[in-house]
Amino acid sequence: ERSGGGAWCESTNASFFNCTFLSNAASLYGGGLYSGCGSNCALIGNSAIYGGAAYGGTLINSMVVSNRSTYGGGVCSNIANNCTFMFNAAGQYGSAAYGCTLGGCLIISNAFYRFVNGAMLPYIFAQNGGGACYSTIIDSSLIGNWAFASGGGAYFCVLTNCTLTGNSAYNYPNNNVGYGGGAYAGVLSGCVLSSNNAYYGGAAAAQNNQALVLANCIVSNNAAH
């Protein structure tokens, strides 16, 4: 199936403990791991079209770092609990996660960065959903993620008891477009949105009758500029 560059599992019952998936590639699904369950694993520098690190399985207490894909730079169609997603990048949607269920996760600085004139700036990052896209996220933190067009932290996600801080939605380097620095569309309940930035809607935004619902949230110190 051109999937599972590191490991391909027919069933989600296959398990991996304390393993490192490093620099694997798949031409379709799951650069590091396809299906299966990874616990206390590290998935680093893997690539695929869907789910740069992993596709279609479960990750627990794992590190997902510097993976790359078109959809879900870190994971796609996965369940992830108590995981850290950092420095992953997607060409289109969801640098950390696409179509996933995430609980107790840290989703931080997802984009590929380089130094430009002494400043660390993104050069590969998602068009939409710098942190996550089309996902359900609970008790997690989305910090310092970057999207090209919409949803620096989250894009069309359902978030409960989450913190969204320091996320950005900008068309870098032009900075002349970008909607919803923290979140674009979706439903947010009991969340904190602070210090996010975008051209339109520093904390949150939605267009064209798309649904955006915030309930029992704190929105502070965000900026649109």
Protein backbone atom coordinates (compact mmCIF):
# COMPACT_ATOMS: atom_id res chain seq x y z
CA GLU A 1 0.00 0.00 0.00
CA ARG A 2 3.05 2.29 -0.14
CA SER A 3 2.46 2.89 3.55
CA GLY A 4 4.30 2.50 6.84
CA GLY A 5 7.84 3.51 5.99
CA GLY A 6 9.02 2.32 9.40
CA ALA A 7 6.38 -0.28 10.24
CA TRP A 8 3.12 -1.40 8.65
CA CYS A 9 0.54 -3.05 10.91
CA GLU A 10 -2.56 -4.81 9.67
CA SER A 11 -4.21 -4.35 13.06
CA THR A 12 -4.20 -1.66 15.70
CA ASN A 13 -3.42 -4.50 18.15
CA ALA A 14 0.24 -4.43 17.10
CA SER A 15 2.26 -2.61 19.77
CA PHE A 16 5.59 -0.82 19.95
CA PHE A 17 7.21 0.13 23.26
CA ASN A 18 10.16 2.50 23.76
CA CYS A 19 10.93 2.55 20.04
CA THR A 20 12.40 5.28 17.85
CA PHE A 21 11.15 5.76 14.29
CA LEU A 22 13.76 7.92 12.59
CA SER A 23 13.91 9.29 9.02
CA ASN A 24 11.52 6.81 7.44
CA ALA A 25 9.39 7.63 4.40
CA ALA A 26 6.20 6.36 2.78
CA SER A 27 4.80 7.54 -0.52
CA LEU A 28 1.24 7.52 0.82
CA TYR A 29 0.30 6.83 4.48
CA GLY A 30 2.34 6.84 7.69
CA GLY A 31 5.96 7.71 7.16
CA GLY A 32 7.02 6.21 10.47
CA LEU A 33 4.15 3.98 11.56
CA TYR A 34 0.98 2.76 9.87
CA SER A 35 -1.71 1.58 12.31
CA GLY A 36 -0.54 -0.12 15.49
CA CYS A 37 0.01 1.41 18.91
CA GLY A 38 3.16 3.23 19.95
CA SER A 39 3.85 3.81 23.63
CA ASN A 40 6.77 5.87 24.94
CA CYS A 41 8.07 6.14 21.40
CA ALA A 42 9.88 8.87 19.47
CA LEU A 43 8.91 9.57 15.86
CA ILE A 44 11.45 11.93 14.32
CA GLY A 45 12.07 13.16 10.78
CA ASN A 46 9.61 10.87 8.98
CA SER A 47 7.59 11.81 5.89
CA ALA A 48 4.51 10.77 3.91
CA ILE A 49 1.56 12.31 2.10
CA TYR A 50 -0.84 11.53 4.97
CA GLY A 51 0.62 11.39 8.48
CA GLY A 52 4.30 12.15 8.30
CA ALA A 53 4.99 10.30 11.55
CA ALA A 54 1.97 8.02 11.91
CA TYR A 55 -1.36 7.15 10.35
CA GLY A 56 -4.40 5.34 11.65
CA GLY A 57 -3.21 4.07 15.03
CA THR A 58 -2.67 5.20 18.62
CA LEU A 59 0.24 7.01 20.25
CA ILE A 60 0.68 7.23 24.03
CA ASN A 61 3.32 9.24 25.91
CA SER A 62 5.28 9.74 22.72
CA MET A 63 7.37 12.46 21.05
CA VAL A 64 6.46 13.48 17.50
CA VAL A 65 9.16 15.80 16.19
CA SER A 66 10.20 17.27 12.80
CA ASN A 67 7.99 15.11 10.62
CA ARG A 68 6.55 16.27 7.31
CA SER A 69 3.56 15.57 5.08
CA THR A 70 0.86 17.18 2.99
CA TYR A 71 -1.92 16.31 5.45
CA GLY A 72 -1.03 15.87 9.12
CA GLY A 73 2.67 16.57 9.37
CA GLY A 74 2.76 14.68 12.66
CA VAL A 75 -0.22 12.33 12.62
CA CYS A 76 -3.31 11.68 10.52
CA SER A 77 -6.43 9.75 11.55
CA ASN A 78 -4.77 8.88 14.86
CA ILE A 79 -5.56 8.85 18.55
CA ALA A 80 -2.84 10.49 20.65
CA ASN A 81 -2.75 10.76 24.44
CA ASN A 82 -0.16 12.65 26.49
CA CYS A 83 2.05 13.23 23.47
CA THR A 84 4.26 16.14 22.42
CA PHE A 85 4.13 17.48 18.86
CA MET A 86 6.96 19.85 17.92
CA PHE A 87 8.47 21.24 14.70
CA ASN A 88 6.24 19.20 12.40
CA ALA A 89 5.10 20.67 9.08
CA ALA A 90 2.29 20.04 6.60
CA GLY A 91 2.14 21.47 3.12
CA GLN A 92 -1.64 21.86 3.29
CA TYR A 93 -3.54 20.97 6.47
CA GLY A 94 -2.59 20.30 10.09
CA SER A 95 1.12 20.51 10.80
CA ALA A 96 0.78 18.47 13.99
CA ALA A 97 -2.47 16.59 13.41
CA TYR A 98 -5.18 16.05 10.80
CA GLY A 99 -8.45 14.26 11.55
CA CYS A 100 -7.31 13.07 14.97
CA THR A 101 -8.44 12.75 18.57
CA LEU A 102 -5.90 14.25 20.97
CA GLY A 103 -5.94 14.27 24.76
CA GLY A 104 -3.48 15.82 27.19
CA CYS A 105 -1.09 16.78 24.42
CA LEU A 106 1.44 19.58 23.97
CA ILE A 107 1.29 20.96 20.43
CA ILE A 108 4.10 23.48 20.15
CA SER A 109 5.99 25.34 17.40
CA ASN A 110 4.77 23.25 14.53
CA ALA A 111 6.43 24.52 11.33
CA PHE A 112 9.91 24.18 9.89
CA TYR A 113 11.99 27.20 10.91
CA ARG A 114 15.20 28.87 9.76
CA PHE A 115 17.14 31.99 10.70
CA VAL A 116 16.47 35.07 8.55
CA ASN A 117 18.37 38.24 9.47
CA GLY A 118 18.90 36.96 12.98
CA ALA A 119 15.25 35.98 13.50
CA MET A 120 13.81 32.47 13.60
CA LEU A 121 11.03 32.41 10.99
CA PRO A 122 8.91 29.63 9.44
CA TYR A 123 9.60 28.53 5.88
CA ILE A 124 7.45 25.38 5.63
CA PHE A 125 4.11 25.54 7.41
CA ALA A 126 0.49 24.52 6.91
CA GLN A 127 -1.87 26.53 4.82
CA ASN A 128 -4.60 25.81 7.37
CA GLY A 129 -4.30 24.51 10.92
CA GLY A 130 -0.80 25.26 12.08
CA GLY A 131 -1.40 23.03 15.08
CA ALA A 132 -4.32 20.79 14.19
CA CYS A 133 -7.03 20.46 11.58
CA TYR A 134 -10.43 18.70 11.69
CA SER A 135 -9.58 17.20 15.08
CA THR A 136 -11.08 16.77 18.54
CA ILE A 137 -8.71 18.06 21.21
CA ILE A 138 -9.15 17.81 24.98
CA ASP A 139 -7.05 19.15 27.89
CA SER A 140 -4.20 20.16 25.61
CA SER A 141 -1.97 23.17 24.92
CA LEU A 142 -1.42 24.66 21.46
CA ILE A 143 1.50 27.07 21.63
CA GLY A 144 3.43 28.97 18.99
CA ASN A 145 2.07 27.23 15.91
CA TRP A 146 1.87 28.97 12.52
CA ALA A 147 -0.52 28.74 9.54
CA PHE A 148 -0.23 30.40 6.16
CA ALA A 149 -3.93 31.22 5.72
CA SER A 150 -6.25 30.18 8.55
CA GLY A 151 -6.15 28.78 12.06
CA GLY A 152 -2.68 29.26 13.48
CA GLY A 153 -3.49 26.94 16.36
CA ALA A 154 -6.55 25.02 15.17
CA TYR A 155 -8.70 24.82 12.04
CA PHE A 156 -12.27 23.45 12.22
CA CYS A 157 -11.55 21.65 15.48
CA VAL A 158 -13.57 20.87 18.60
CA LEU A 159 -11.51 21.94 21.61
CA THR A 160 -12.37 21.41 25.27
CA ASN A 161 -10.38 22.82 28.19
CA CYS A 162 -7.46 23.78 25.99
CA THR A 163 -4.96 26.64 26.02
CA LEU A 164 -4.13 28.41 22.75
CA THR A 165 -1.23 30.82 23.15
CA GLY A 166 1.14 32.58 20.78
CA ASN A 167 -0.22 31.05 17.59
CA SER A 168 -0.18 32.98 14.30
CA ALA A 169 -2.03 33.03 10.99
CA TYR A 170 -0.10 35.07 8.45
CA ASN A 171 0.91 34.90 4.81
CA TYR A 172 4.60 35.28 5.64
CA PRO A 173 6.55 37.22 4.42
CA ASN A 174 3.79 39.45 3.01
CA ASN A 175 1.66 39.34 6.18
CA ASN A 176 -1.33 40.58 4.19
CA VAL A 177 -3.76 37.76 4.91
CA GLY A 178 -4.47 35.27 7.68
CA TYR A 179 -7.61 34.42 9.64
CA GLY A 180 -7.85 33.25 13.23
CA GLY A 181 -4.50 33.26 14.95
CA GLY A 182 -5.73 30.95 17.69
CA ALA A 183 -8.54 29.15 15.95
CA TYR A 184 -10.48 29.25 12.71
CA ALA A 185 -14.10 28.07 12.91
CA GLY A 186 -14.98 25.10 15.11
CA VAL A 187 -16.22 24.83 18.70
CA LEU A 188 -14.19 25.86 21.76
CA SER A 189 -15.42 25.20 25.28
CA GLY A 190 -13.64 26.20 28.48
CA CYS A 191 -10.58 27.33 26.57
CA VAL A 192 -8.06 30.13 27.08
CA LEU A 193 -6.99 32.10 23.99
CA SER A 194 -4.15 34.54 24.64
CA SER A 195 -1.38 36.33 22.74
CA ASN A 196 -2.41 34.95 19.35
CA ASN A 197 -1.93 36.98 16.16
CA ALA A 198 -3.51 37.22 12.72
CA TYR A 199 -4.40 39.69 10.02
CA TYR A 200 -8.09 39.06 10.77
CA GLY A 201 -9.19 37.81 14.18
CA GLY A 202 -6.20 37.53 16.46
CA ALA A 203 -7.85 34.95 18.70
CA ALA A 204 -10.48 33.45 16.39
CA ALA A 205 -12.20 33.96 13.05
CA ALA A 206 -14.67 32.45 10.61
CA GLN A 207 -15.88 33.39 7.13
CA ASN A 208 -18.81 32.73 4.82
CA ASN A 209 -21.34 31.57 7.44
CA GLN A 210 -18.92 28.98 8.82
CA ALA A 211 -19.65 28.07 12.43
CA LEU A 212 -17.50 29.43 15.23
CA VAL A 213 -18.66 28.86 18.82
CA LEU A 214 -16.82 29.89 21.99
CA ALA A 215 -18.38 28.91 25.32
CA ASN A 216 -16.95 29.69 28.75
CA CYS A 217 -13.69 30.84 27.23
CA ILE A 218 -11.17 33.51 28.23
CA VAL A 219 -9.93 35.68 25.34
CA SER A 220 -7.11 38.06 26.23
CA ASN A 221 -4.14 39.94 24.76
CA ASN A 222 -4.63 38.79 21.19
CA ALA A 223 -3.89 41.04 18.21
CA ALA A 224 -5.04 41.62 14.64
CA HIS A 225 -2.54 43.57 12.58
